[in-house]
Amino acid sequence: MNAYLTPILLLIASNVFMTFAWYGHLKFTGRPLWIVILVSWGIAFFEYCLQVPANRAGIAVYNPAQLKTIQEIITLVVFVAFSVWYLDAPIKWNHMVGFGLIVAASFFIFMD
């Protein structure tokens, strides 16, 4: 696979697991907290199994600031989709403006 694309694909998959680990339990607020924590840690294990290789592969073509920026943008995109489709929580215009400003800021990270 392309050296530039591999870390991005791994980060996307990693962020799906991370988002479920961090926010998926919000649909199950009646469950005991200790169970939610254990399940979240179990899901997070798979997130780490993808995140670590993503960063290892990514450092060959991106600098650390770029890797972190890519990860944050992916996190926002995955979170918006998750929030709307899984949690049934609408994303409002002000959320999109705020997220858009974060994405716009990433332009400066990738400037030479």
C-alpha atoms as a PDB file:
ATOM      1  CA  MET A   1       0.000   0.000   0.000  1.00  0.00           C
ATOM      2  CA  ASN A   2       1.007   3.580  -0.456  1.00  0.00           C
ATOM      3  CA  ALA A   3       3.260   4.800   2.378  1.00  0.00           C
ATOM      4  CA  TYR A   4       1.145   7.955   2.736  1.00  0.00           C
ATOM      5  CA  LEU A   5      -2.193   6.135   2.721  1.00  0.00           C
ATOM      6  CA  THR A   6      -1.447   3.212   5.068  1.00  0.00           C
ATOM      7  CA  PRO A   7      -1.204   5.305   8.255  1.00  0.00           C
ATOM      8  CA  ILE A   8      -4.368   7.204   7.346  1.00  0.00           C
ATOM      9  CA  LEU A   9      -6.377   4.009   6.814  1.00  0.00           C
ATOM     10  CA  LEU A  10      -5.061   2.549  10.068  1.00  0.00           C
ATOM     11  CA  LEU A  11      -5.914   5.779  11.898  1.00  0.00           C
ATOM     12  CA  ILE A  12      -9.458   5.716  10.524  1.00  0.00           C
ATOM     13  CA  ALA A  13      -9.979   2.156  11.753  1.00  0.00           C
ATOM     14  CA  SER A  14      -8.318   3.004  15.059  1.00  0.00           C
ATOM     15  CA  ASN A  15     -10.583   5.990  15.578  1.00  0.00           C
ATOM     16  CA  VAL A  16     -13.713   3.944  14.991  1.00  0.00           C
ATOM     17  CA  PHE A  17     -12.680   1.670  17.875  1.00  0.00           C
ATOM     18  CA  MET A  18     -11.640   4.646  20.005  1.00  0.00           C
ATOM     19  CA  THR A  19     -14.940   6.427  19.483  1.00  0.00           C
ATOM     20  CA  PHE A  20     -16.911   3.326  20.480  1.00  0.00           C
ATOM     21  CA  ALA A  21     -14.671   2.843  23.527  1.00  0.00           C
ATOM     22  CA  TRP A  22     -15.089   6.449  24.670  1.00  0.00           C
ATOM     23  CA  TYR A  23     -18.680   7.207  23.691  1.00  0.00           C
ATOM     24  CA  GLY A  24     -20.462   3.957  22.797  1.00  0.00           C
ATOM     25  CA  HIS A  25     -21.501   3.333  26.396  1.00  0.00           C
ATOM     26  CA  LEU A  26     -23.619   6.502  26.392  1.00  0.00           C
ATOM     27  CA  LYS A  27     -26.455   4.449  24.907  1.00  0.00           C
ATOM     28  CA  PHE A  28     -26.260   2.112  27.908  1.00  0.00           C
ATOM     29  CA  THR A  29     -26.344   4.459  30.890  1.00  0.00           C
ATOM     30  CA  GLY A  30     -28.182   1.892  32.997  1.00  0.00           C
ATOM     31  CA  ARG A  31     -25.201  -0.455  33.057  1.00  0.00           C
ATOM     32  CA  PRO A  32     -22.879  -0.466  36.081  1.00  0.00           C
ATOM     33  CA  LEU A  33     -19.892   1.799  35.610  1.00  0.00           C
ATOM     34  CA  TRP A  34     -17.331  -0.931  36.310  1.00  0.00           C
ATOM     35  CA  ILE A  35     -18.733  -3.040  33.448  1.00  0.00           C
ATOM     36  CA  VAL A  36     -18.683  -0.058  31.113  1.00  0.00           C
ATOM     37  CA  ILE A  37     -15.056   0.637  32.034  1.00  0.00           C
ATOM     38  CA  LEU A  38     -13.990  -2.969  31.399  1.00  0.00           C
ATOM     39  CA  VAL A  39     -15.806  -3.131  28.062  1.00  0.00           C
ATOM     40  CA  SER A  40     -14.341   0.229  27.035  1.00  0.00           C
ATOM     41  CA  TRP A  41     -10.835  -0.972  27.895  1.00  0.00           C
ATOM     42  CA  GLY A  42     -11.435  -4.113  25.862  1.00  0.00           C
ATOM     43  CA  ILE A  43     -12.475  -2.058  22.849  1.00  0.00           C
ATOM     44  CA  ALA A  44      -9.549   0.327  23.373  1.00  0.00           C
ATOM     45  CA  PHE A  45      -7.134  -2.606  23.115  1.00  0.00           C
ATOM     46  CA  PHE A  46      -8.057  -2.966  19.436  1.00  0.00           C
ATOM     47  CA  GLU A  47      -7.719   0.789  18.984  1.00  0.00           C
ATOM     48  CA  TYR A  48      -4.129   0.569  20.224  1.00  0.00           C
ATOM     49  CA  CYS A  49      -3.448  -2.429  17.981  1.00  0.00           C
ATOM     50  CA  LEU A  50      -4.155  -0.119  15.034  1.00  0.00           C
ATOM     51  CA  GLN A  51      -2.936   3.233  16.401  1.00  0.00           C
ATOM     52  CA  VAL A  52       0.599   2.102  17.220  1.00  0.00           C
ATOM     53  CA  PRO A  53       1.264   0.587  13.755  1.00  0.00           C
ATOM     54  CA  ALA A  54      -0.324   3.679  12.162  1.00  0.00           C
ATOM     55  CA  ASN A  55       2.154   5.932  13.928  1.00  0.00           C
ATOM     56  CA  ARG A  56       5.068   3.592  13.206  1.00  0.00           C
ATOM     57  CA  ALA A  57       4.218   3.571   9.498  1.00  0.00           C
ATOM     58  CA  GLY A  58       3.329   7.251   9.459  1.00  0.00           C
ATOM     59  CA  ILE A  59       6.578   8.532  10.929  1.00  0.00           C
ATOM     60  CA  ALA A  60       8.337   7.408   7.748  1.00  0.00           C
ATOM     61  CA  VAL A  61       6.428   9.987   5.677  1.00  0.00           C
ATOM     62  CA  TYR A  62       4.935  12.488   8.152  1.00  0.00           C
ATOM     63  CA  ASN A  63       6.471  14.431  11.004  1.00  0.00           C
ATOM     64  CA  PRO A  64       4.956  13.987  14.497  1.00  0.00           C
ATOM     65  CA  ALA A  65       2.912  17.205  14.300  1.00  0.00           C
ATOM     66  CA  GLN A  66       1.449  16.126  10.970  1.00  0.00           C
ATOM     67  CA  LEU A  67       0.609  12.660  12.319  1.00  0.00           C
ATOM     68  CA  LYS A  68      -1.188  14.173  15.300  1.00  0.00           C
ATOM     69  CA  THR A  69      -3.055  16.601  13.068  1.00  0.00           C
ATOM     70  CA  ILE A  70      -4.180  13.813  10.738  1.00  0.00           C
ATOM     71  CA  GLN A  71      -5.356  11.824  13.755  1.00  0.00           C
ATOM     72  CA  GLU A  72      -7.342  14.769  15.136  1.00  0.00           C
ATOM     73  CA  ILE A  73      -9.063  15.501  11.820  1.00  0.00           C
ATOM     74  CA  ILE A  74      -9.979  11.825  11.458  1.00  0.00           C
ATOM     75  CA  THR A  75     -11.257  11.845  15.048  1.00  0.00           C
ATOM     76  CA  LEU A  76     -13.556  14.775  14.283  1.00  0.00           C
ATOM     77  CA  VAL A  77     -14.947  13.164  11.124  1.00  0.00           C
ATOM     78  CA  VAL A  78     -15.513   9.803  12.823  1.00  0.00           C
ATOM     79  CA  PHE A  79     -17.055  11.499  15.863  1.00  0.00           C
ATOM     80  CA  VAL A  80     -19.504  13.530  13.786  1.00  0.00           C
ATOM     81  CA  ALA A  81     -20.681  10.410  11.945  1.00  0.00           C
ATOM     82  CA  PHE A  82     -20.872   8.417  15.200  1.00  0.00           C
ATOM     83  CA  SER A  83     -22.731  11.174  17.025  1.00  0.00           C
ATOM     84  CA  VAL A  84     -25.357  11.514  14.311  1.00  0.00           C
ATOM     85  CA  TRP A  85     -25.889   7.864  13.371  1.00  0.00           C
ATOM     86  CA  TYR A  86     -25.193   5.975  16.595  1.00  0.00           C
ATOM     87  CA  LEU A  87     -26.084   8.430  19.357  1.00  0.00           C
ATOM     88  CA  ASP A  88     -28.844  10.224  17.409  1.00  0.00           C
ATOM     89  CA  ALA A  89     -27.319  13.512  18.556  1.00  0.00           C
ATOM     90  CA  PRO A  90     -27.530  16.222  15.934  1.00  0.00           C
ATOM     91  CA  ILE A  91     -24.466  18.239  15.034  1.00  0.00           C
ATOM     92  CA  LYS A  92     -25.385  21.918  14.984  1.00  0.00           C
ATOM     93  CA  TRP A  93     -24.019  24.664  12.783  1.00  0.00           C
ATOM     94  CA  ASN A  94     -21.784  26.032  15.552  1.00  0.00           C
ATOM     95  CA  HIS A  95     -20.231  22.587  16.065  1.00  0.00           C
ATOM     96  CA  MET A  96     -19.463  22.398  12.354  1.00  0.00           C
ATOM     97  CA  VAL A  97     -17.958  25.898  12.355  1.00  0.00           C
ATOM     98  CA  GLY A  98     -15.741  24.996  15.319  1.00  0.00           C
ATOM     99  CA  PHE A  99     -14.676  21.720  13.713  1.00  0.00           C
ATOM    100  CA  GLY A 100     -14.115  23.542  10.427  1.00  0.00           C
ATOM    101  CA  LEU A 101     -11.778  26.009  12.129  1.00  0.00           C
ATOM    102  CA  ILE A 102      -9.765  23.117  13.537  1.00  0.00           C
ATOM    103  CA  VAL A 103      -9.525  21.626  10.045  1.00  0.00           C
ATOM    104  CA  ALA A 104      -8.538  25.025   8.614  1.00  0.00           C
ATOM    105  CA  ALA A 105      -5.800  25.319  11.263  1.00  0.00           C
ATOM    106  CA  SER A 106      -4.339  22.058  10.031  1.00  0.00           C
ATOM    107  CA  PHE A 107      -3.391  23.861   6.816  1.00  0.00           C
ATOM    108  CA  PHE A 108      -0.578  25.583   8.711  1.00  0.00           C
ATOM    109  CA  ILE A 109       0.752  22.302  10.124  1.00  0.00           C
ATOM    110  CA  PHE A 110       1.310  20.993   6.584  1.00  0.00           C
ATOM    111  CA  MET A 111       2.854  24.192   5.194  1.00  0.00           C
ATOM    112  CA  ASP A 112       6.581  24.079   4.507  1.00  0.00           C
END
